Amino acid sequence: MSRRDKLKQQQLKLNKRYKQLVEEAYNLRQTNHEESDLSEYRALKLLDKLNKLKFLVRDSPQSLS
């Protein structure tokens, strides 16, 4: 597995978790503001990691095949 493939796989995993956290924050908004804020904060931290990964995937050289 190439470095680019590993980065893409990690990106997909983080993106799935990000969507879960955003949905959780939305669902908790009416019942538990503190947990909603915490989920939103975690989602934002993941979004930062995703943006860094997007940069790495974009800049990694294309594999020859």
C-alpha atoms as a PDB file:
ATOM      1  CA  MET A   1       0.000   0.000   0.000  1.00  0.00           C
ATOM      2  CA  SER A   2       1.476   3.324  -1.030  1.00  0.00           C
ATOM      3  CA  ARG A   3       1.767   6.379   1.169  1.00  0.00           C
ATOM      4  CA  ARG A   4      -0.914   8.124  -0.859  1.00  0.00           C
ATOM      5  CA  ASP A   5      -3.327   5.214  -0.352  1.00  0.00           C
ATOM      6  CA  LYS A   6      -2.686   5.241   3.388  1.00  0.00           C
ATOM      7  CA  LEU A   7      -3.341   8.976   3.523  1.00  0.00           C
ATOM      8  CA  LYS A   8      -6.570   8.559   1.554  1.00  0.00           C
ATOM      9  CA  GLN A   9      -7.699   5.747   3.850  1.00  0.00           C
ATOM     10  CA  GLN A  10      -6.997   7.876   6.924  1.00  0.00           C
ATOM     11  CA  GLN A  11      -8.823  10.780   5.293  1.00  0.00           C
ATOM     12  CA  LEU A  12     -11.936   8.661   4.716  1.00  0.00           C
ATOM     13  CA  LYS A  13     -11.873   7.402   8.307  1.00  0.00           C
ATOM     14  CA  LEU A  14     -11.566  10.918   9.727  1.00  0.00           C
ATOM     15  CA  ASN A  15     -14.267  12.237   7.402  1.00  0.00           C
ATOM     16  CA  LYS A  16     -16.688   9.557   8.606  1.00  0.00           C
ATOM     17  CA  ARG A  17     -15.925  10.398  12.250  1.00  0.00           C
ATOM     18  CA  TYR A  18     -16.290  14.125  11.513  1.00  0.00           C
ATOM     19  CA  LYS A  19     -19.771  13.593  10.087  1.00  0.00           C
ATOM     20  CA  GLN A  20     -20.759  11.506  13.115  1.00  0.00           C
ATOM     21  CA  LEU A  21     -19.617  14.234  15.510  1.00  0.00           C
ATOM     22  CA  VAL A  22     -21.429  16.981  13.602  1.00  0.00           C
ATOM     23  CA  GLU A  23     -24.633  14.939  13.595  1.00  0.00           C
ATOM     24  CA  GLU A  24     -24.224  14.195  17.305  1.00  0.00           C
ATOM     25  CA  ALA A  25     -23.705  17.896  18.065  1.00  0.00           C
ATOM     26  CA  TYR A  26     -26.827  18.765  16.087  1.00  0.00           C
ATOM     27  CA  ASN A  27     -28.923  16.113  17.842  1.00  0.00           C
ATOM     28  CA  LEU A  28     -27.748  17.217  21.290  1.00  0.00           C
ATOM     29  CA  ARG A  29     -28.336  20.907  20.623  1.00  0.00           C
ATOM     30  CA  GLN A  30     -31.838  20.914  22.150  1.00  0.00           C
ATOM     31  CA  THR A  31     -31.217  18.577  25.081  1.00  0.00           C
ATOM     32  CA  ASN A  32     -27.642  18.998  26.288  1.00  0.00           C
ATOM     33  CA  HIS A  33     -25.803  22.159  25.283  1.00  0.00           C
ATOM     34  CA  GLU A  34     -22.540  21.194  26.978  1.00  0.00           C
ATOM     35  CA  GLU A  35     -22.221  17.870  25.172  1.00  0.00           C
ATOM     36  CA  SER A  36     -23.297  19.512  21.933  1.00  0.00           C
ATOM     37  CA  ASP A  37     -20.507  22.066  22.288  1.00  0.00           C
ATOM     38  CA  LEU A  38     -18.008  19.329  23.106  1.00  0.00           C
ATOM     39  CA  SER A  39     -18.997  17.306  20.028  1.00  0.00           C
ATOM     40  CA  GLU A  40     -18.765  20.411  17.883  1.00  0.00           C
ATOM     41  CA  TYR A  41     -15.302  21.187  19.279  1.00  0.00           C
ATOM     42  CA  ARG A  42     -14.123  17.640  18.545  1.00  0.00           C
ATOM     43  CA  ALA A  43     -15.541  17.900  15.030  1.00  0.00           C
ATOM     44  CA  LEU A  44     -13.644  21.140  14.446  1.00  0.00           C
ATOM     45  CA  LYS A  45     -10.400  19.542  15.636  1.00  0.00           C
ATOM     46  CA  LEU A  46     -10.999  16.660  13.213  1.00  0.00           C
ATOM     47  CA  LEU A  47     -11.741  19.107  10.425  1.00  0.00           C
ATOM     48  CA  ASP A  48      -8.346  20.700  11.027  1.00  0.00           C
ATOM     49  CA  LYS A  49      -6.689  17.272  10.723  1.00  0.00           C
ATOM     50  CA  LEU A  50      -8.689  16.578   7.557  1.00  0.00           C
ATOM     51  CA  ASN A  51      -7.513  19.818   5.992  1.00  0.00           C
ATOM     52  CA  LYS A  52      -3.901  18.918   6.763  1.00  0.00           C
ATOM     53  CA  LEU A  53      -4.388  15.486   5.203  1.00  0.00           C
ATOM     54  CA  LYS A  54      -5.964  17.013   2.098  1.00  0.00           C
ATOM     55  CA  PHE A  55      -2.862  19.150   1.736  1.00  0.00           C
ATOM     56  CA  LEU A  56      -0.587  16.104   2.069  1.00  0.00           C
ATOM     57  CA  VAL A  57      -2.606  14.017  -0.381  1.00  0.00           C
ATOM     58  CA  ARG A  58      -2.633  16.863  -2.872  1.00  0.00           C
ATOM     59  CA  ASP A  59       1.133  17.346  -2.627  1.00  0.00           C
ATOM     60  CA  SER A  60       2.157  13.687  -2.619  1.00  0.00           C
ATOM     61  CA  PRO A  61       3.574  12.501  -5.940  1.00  0.00           C
ATOM     62  CA  GLN A  62       1.423  10.313  -8.135  1.00  0.00           C
ATOM     63  CA  SER A  63       2.416   6.658  -8.010  1.00  0.00           C
ATOM     64  CA  LEU A  64       3.550   5.127 -11.260  1.00  0.00           C
ATOM     65  CA  SER A  65       1.336   2.314 -12.464  1.00  0.00           C
END
